[in-house]
Protein backbone atom coordinates (compact mmCIF):
# COMPACT_ATOMS: atom_id res chain seq x y z
CA UNK A 1 93.25 77.91 78.60
CA UNK A 2 93.33 79.98 75.88
CA UNK A 3 89.60 80.87 75.89
CA UNK A 4 89.10 81.58 79.16
CA UNK A 5 92.91 84.09 78.62
CA UNK A 6 90.51 85.72 75.60
CA UNK A 7 87.39 86.29 78.07
CA UNK A 8 90.57 87.54 81.00
CA UNK A 9 90.07 91.11 79.77
CA UNK A 10 86.57 91.21 79.25
CA UNK A 11 85.82 89.90 82.86
CA UNK A 12 87.77 92.67 83.80
CA UNK A 13 86.01 95.52 82.62
CA UNK A 14 82.62 96.77 84.78
CA UNK A 15 79.51 97.79 82.51
CA UNK A 16 79.10 101.49 83.07
CA UNK A 17 74.93 102.37 82.80
CA UNK A 18 72.78 105.68 83.38
CA UNK A 19 69.81 105.20 85.28
CA UNK A 20 67.03 105.49 84.34
CA UNK A 21 63.92 104.67 86.20
CA UNK A 22 63.32 103.15 89.62
CA UNK A 23 60.26 101.37 90.13
CA UNK A 24 58.75 99.81 93.61
CA UNK A 25 61.72 101.08 95.51
CA UNK A 26 63.85 97.61 94.27
CA UNK A 27 63.30 97.79 90.74
CA UNK A 28 65.88 99.82 88.18
CA UNK A 29 66.20 100.46 85.27
CA UNK A 30 69.46 101.67 83.47
CA UNK A 31 70.64 102.22 80.26
CA UNK A 32 73.68 100.99 78.85
CA UNK A 33 75.09 100.60 75.56
CA UNK A 34 71.58 101.24 73.78
CA UNK A 35 70.39 98.28 75.53
CA UNK A 36 67.40 98.76 78.70
CA UNK A 37 69.04 96.80 81.50
CA UNK A 38 66.83 95.77 84.53
CA UNK A 39 67.98 95.51 87.95
CA UNK A 40 65.63 93.57 90.94
CA UNK A 41 67.33 94.39 94.30
CA UNK A 42 66.91 91.12 96.75
CA UNK A 43 66.84 91.88 100.19
CA UNK A 44 67.79 89.87 102.88
CA UNK A 45 67.04 90.13 106.73
């Protein structure tokens, strides 16, 4: 239980980044905390 309580503040904080690149309409690149993060968007119909 102590482990969960220690992680709770981290889980509640959202990551904020800057959109740096859009590729193929479904791949986005963000920069946050000095790291590049690749995000793929999945479509379902």
